[in-house]
Amino acid sequence: MIHDGSADDYQRLHAIIHTMEAEFDCHVRVILGNHDRRAAFYEGYLPADPGPYYASRMRIGNNDFYFLDSKVSGYEAGWLAPQQLQWLGKHLRQAPTKRAFLFLHHP
C-alpha cells in the first residue's frame, strides 16, 4: 500500500479509502505487502491494535472474504502464523455453508 510509510501516511490513506467507499458506495479492504511497515500501519490505519497480526473478514450474502497478513514477524513471507490459521479455522467452522475467499499478498 505504502512503501516504507509512516503512521501519518497510513492515516491519510485511511481517509482516502473512506472517501472512496462513500463516493463509489463500495467496500474496500486492505492487505499488507512486504514493503508496508506494520507498526506504522497499526498506528495510523487501524482503530485498535490487531494483536500479533492483521486479519479481517467481510461477509456479503453467502460469501465470506478473508484478508490476511502473509508477512508476520518471525515467519518467511507467504506463511501464516499458527494463530492466524486458528483464527481462520474457527471462522470457517462457524460458517461451513458459506463460500470462503482468501486474500493474501504473497502466494
C-alpha atoms as a PDB file:
ATOM      1  CA  MET A   1       0.000   0.000   0.000  1.00  0.00           C
ATOM      2  CA  ILE A   2       2.722   2.446   1.035  1.00  0.00           C
ATOM      3  CA  HIS A   3       6.417   1.775   0.523  1.00  0.00           C
ATOM      4  CA  ASP A   4       8.058   2.271   3.939  1.00  0.00           C
ATOM      5  CA  GLY A   5       5.242   4.578   5.090  1.00  0.00           C
ATOM      6  CA  SER A   6       4.811   6.380   8.393  1.00  0.00           C
ATOM      7  CA  ALA A   7       1.753   6.342  10.664  1.00  0.00           C
ATOM      8  CA  ASP A   8       0.744   9.703   9.134  1.00  0.00           C
ATOM      9  CA  ASP A   9       0.928   8.181   5.634  1.00  0.00           C
ATOM     10  CA  TYR A  10      -1.385   5.349   6.672  1.00  0.00           C
ATOM     11  CA  GLN A  11      -3.732   7.800   8.358  1.00  0.00           C
ATOM     12  CA  ARG A  12      -4.006   9.751   5.085  1.00  0.00           C
ATOM     13  CA  LEU A  13      -4.507   6.501   3.158  1.00  0.00           C
ATOM     14  CA  HIS A  14      -7.329   5.541   5.517  1.00  0.00           C
ATOM     15  CA  ALA A  15      -9.039   8.884   4.860  1.00  0.00           C
ATOM     16  CA  ILE A  16      -8.694   8.412   1.082  1.00  0.00           C
ATOM     17  CA  ILE A  17     -10.130   4.893   1.249  1.00  0.00           C
ATOM     18  CA  HIS A  18     -13.007   6.076   3.442  1.00  0.00           C
ATOM     19  CA  THR A  19     -13.768   8.779   0.840  1.00  0.00           C
ATOM     20  CA  MET A  20     -13.645   6.204  -1.987  1.00  0.00           C
ATOM     21  CA  GLU A  21     -16.057   3.907  -0.148  1.00  0.00           C
ATOM     22  CA  ALA A  22     -18.539   6.744   0.321  1.00  0.00           C
ATOM     23  CA  GLU A  23     -18.186   8.177  -3.184  1.00  0.00           C
ATOM     24  CA  PHE A  24     -18.428   4.846  -5.034  1.00  0.00           C
ATOM     25  CA  ASP A  25     -20.698   3.071  -2.500  1.00  0.00           C
ATOM     26  CA  CYS A  26     -18.315   0.110  -2.313  1.00  0.00           C
ATOM     27  CA  HIS A  27     -16.367  -1.984   0.167  1.00  0.00           C
ATOM     28  CA  VAL A  28     -12.591  -1.575   0.332  1.00  0.00           C
ATOM     29  CA  ARG A  29     -10.354  -3.875   2.344  1.00  0.00           C
ATOM     30  CA  VAL A  30      -6.587  -3.713   2.528  1.00  0.00           C
ATOM     31  CA  ILE A  31      -3.850  -6.327   2.564  1.00  0.00           C
ATOM     32  CA  LEU A  32      -0.374  -5.625   3.852  1.00  0.00           C
ATOM     33  CA  GLY A  33       2.520  -6.223   1.487  1.00  0.00           C
ATOM     34  CA  ASN A  34       6.208  -6.804   2.065  1.00  0.00           C
ATOM     35  CA  HIS A  35       7.084  -3.072   1.783  1.00  0.00           C
ATOM     36  CA  ASP A  36       4.455  -1.949   4.288  1.00  0.00           C
ATOM     37  CA  ARG A  37       5.557  -1.067   7.795  1.00  0.00           C
ATOM     38  CA  ARG A  38       3.324  -2.973  10.140  1.00  0.00           C
ATOM     39  CA  ALA A  39       3.820  -0.806  13.244  1.00  0.00           C
ATOM     40  CA  ALA A  40       3.062   2.361  11.248  1.00  0.00           C
ATOM     41  CA  PHE A  41       0.009   0.672   9.662  1.00  0.00           C
ATOM     42  CA  TYR A  42      -1.301  -0.451  13.058  1.00  0.00           C
ATOM     43  CA  GLU A  43      -0.829   3.032  14.499  1.00  0.00           C
ATOM     44  CA  GLY A  44      -2.121   5.108  11.590  1.00  0.00           C
ATOM     45  CA  TYR A  45      -4.696   2.950   9.819  1.00  0.00           C
ATOM     46  CA  LEU A  46      -6.403   0.746  12.385  1.00  0.00           C
ATOM     47  CA  PRO A  47      -8.759   1.962  15.098  1.00  0.00           C
ATOM     48  CA  ALA A  48      -7.418  -0.666  17.518  1.00  0.00           C
ATOM     49  CA  ASP A  49      -4.361  -2.883  17.953  1.00  0.00           C
ATOM     50  CA  PRO A  50      -4.950  -6.124  15.980  1.00  0.00           C
ATOM     51  CA  GLY A  51      -2.678  -8.186  18.200  1.00  0.00           C
ATOM     52  CA  PRO A  52       0.224 -10.176  16.729  1.00  0.00           C
ATOM     53  CA  TYR A  53      -1.108  -9.993  13.146  1.00  0.00           C
ATOM     54  CA  TYR A  54      -3.677  -8.265  10.953  1.00  0.00           C
ATOM     55  CA  ALA A  55      -6.676 -10.274   9.749  1.00  0.00           C
ATOM     56  CA  SER A  56     -10.068  -9.108   8.561  1.00  0.00           C
ATOM     57  CA  ARG A  57     -13.303 -10.746   7.459  1.00  0.00           C
ATOM     58  CA  MET A  58     -16.116  -9.284   5.393  1.00  0.00           C
ATOM     59  CA  ARG A  59     -19.455 -11.031   4.869  1.00  0.00           C
ATOM     60  CA  ILE A  60     -21.633 -10.379   1.841  1.00  0.00           C
ATOM     61  CA  GLY A  61     -24.573 -12.690   1.315  1.00  0.00           C
ATOM     62  CA  ASN A  62     -23.404 -16.291   1.280  1.00  0.00           C
ATOM     63  CA  ASN A  63     -19.766 -15.248   0.840  1.00  0.00           C
ATOM     64  CA  ASP A  64     -17.050 -14.702   3.426  1.00  0.00           C
ATOM     65  CA  PHE A  65     -13.977 -12.746   2.343  1.00  0.00           C
ATOM     66  CA  TYR A  66     -10.813 -13.090   4.453  1.00  0.00           C
ATOM     67  CA  PHE A  67      -7.876 -10.684   4.265  1.00  0.00           C
ATOM     68  CA  LEU A  68      -4.703 -11.987   5.912  1.00  0.00           C
ATOM     69  CA  ASP A  69      -1.222 -10.631   6.550  1.00  0.00           C
ATOM     70  CA  SER A  70       1.224 -13.070   4.958  1.00  0.00           C
ATOM     71  CA  LYS A  71       4.369 -11.430   6.294  1.00  0.00           C
ATOM     72  CA  VAL A  72       4.243 -11.941  10.024  1.00  0.00           C
ATOM     73  CA  SER A  73       7.345 -11.260  12.093  1.00  0.00           C
ATOM     74  CA  GLY A  74       9.385 -14.406  12.594  1.00  0.00           C
ATOM     75  CA  TYR A  75       7.954 -16.170   9.529  1.00  0.00           C
ATOM     76  CA  GLU A  76       9.057 -16.312   5.920  1.00  0.00           C
ATOM     77  CA  ALA A  77       6.974 -14.160   3.560  1.00  0.00           C
ATOM     78  CA  GLY A  78       3.987 -16.117   2.333  1.00  0.00           C
ATOM     79  CA  TRP A  79       3.453 -18.066   5.555  1.00  0.00           C
ATOM     80  CA  LEU A  80       0.655 -17.600   8.078  1.00  0.00           C
ATOM     81  CA  ALA A  81       1.293 -17.742  11.801  1.00  0.00           C
ATOM     82  CA  PRO A  82      -0.383 -20.577  13.738  1.00  0.00           C
ATOM     83  CA  GLN A  83      -2.636 -18.014  15.488  1.00  0.00           C
ATOM     84  CA  GLN A  84      -3.850 -16.777  12.090  1.00  0.00           C
ATOM     85  CA  LEU A  85      -4.610 -20.311  10.943  1.00  0.00           C
ATOM     86  CA  GLN A  86      -6.508 -20.942  14.184  1.00  0.00           C
ATOM     87  CA  TRP A  87      -8.484 -17.705  13.718  1.00  0.00           C
ATOM     88  CA  LEU A  88      -9.270 -18.660  10.122  1.00  0.00           C
ATOM     89  CA  GLY A  89     -10.218 -22.229  11.046  1.00  0.00           C
ATOM     90  CA  LYS A  90     -12.549 -21.004  13.783  1.00  0.00           C
ATOM     91  CA  HIS A  91     -14.396 -18.702  11.369  1.00  0.00           C
ATOM     92  CA  LEU A  92     -14.575 -21.334   8.624  1.00  0.00           C
ATOM     93  CA  ARG A  93     -16.061 -23.858  11.071  1.00  0.00           C
ATOM     94  CA  GLN A  94     -18.665 -21.302  12.217  1.00  0.00           C
ATOM     95  CA  ALA A  95     -19.962 -20.876   8.655  1.00  0.00           C
ATOM     96  CA  PRO A  96     -19.443 -24.206   6.850  1.00  0.00           C
ATOM     97  CA  THR A  97     -22.044 -23.489   4.148  1.00  0.00           C
ATOM     98  CA  LYS A  98     -20.645 -20.098   3.140  1.00  0.00           C
ATOM     99  CA  ARG A  99     -18.213 -19.728   0.274  1.00  0.00           C
ATOM    100  CA  ALA A 100     -14.835 -18.536   1.525  1.00  0.00           C
ATOM    101  CA  PHE A 101     -12.428 -16.366  -0.467  1.00  0.00           C
ATOM    102  CA  LEU A 102      -8.929 -15.863   0.953  1.00  0.00           C
ATOM    103  CA  PHE A 103      -6.749 -12.895   0.045  1.00  0.00           C
ATOM    104  CA  LEU A 104      -3.027 -12.609   0.840  1.00  0.00           C
ATOM    105  CA  HIS A 105      -0.237 -10.512  -0.635  1.00  0.00           C
ATOM    106  CA  HIS A 106       2.141 -13.442  -1.121  1.00  0.00           C
ATOM    107  CA  PRO A 107       1.287 -16.652  -3.000  1.00  0.00           C
END
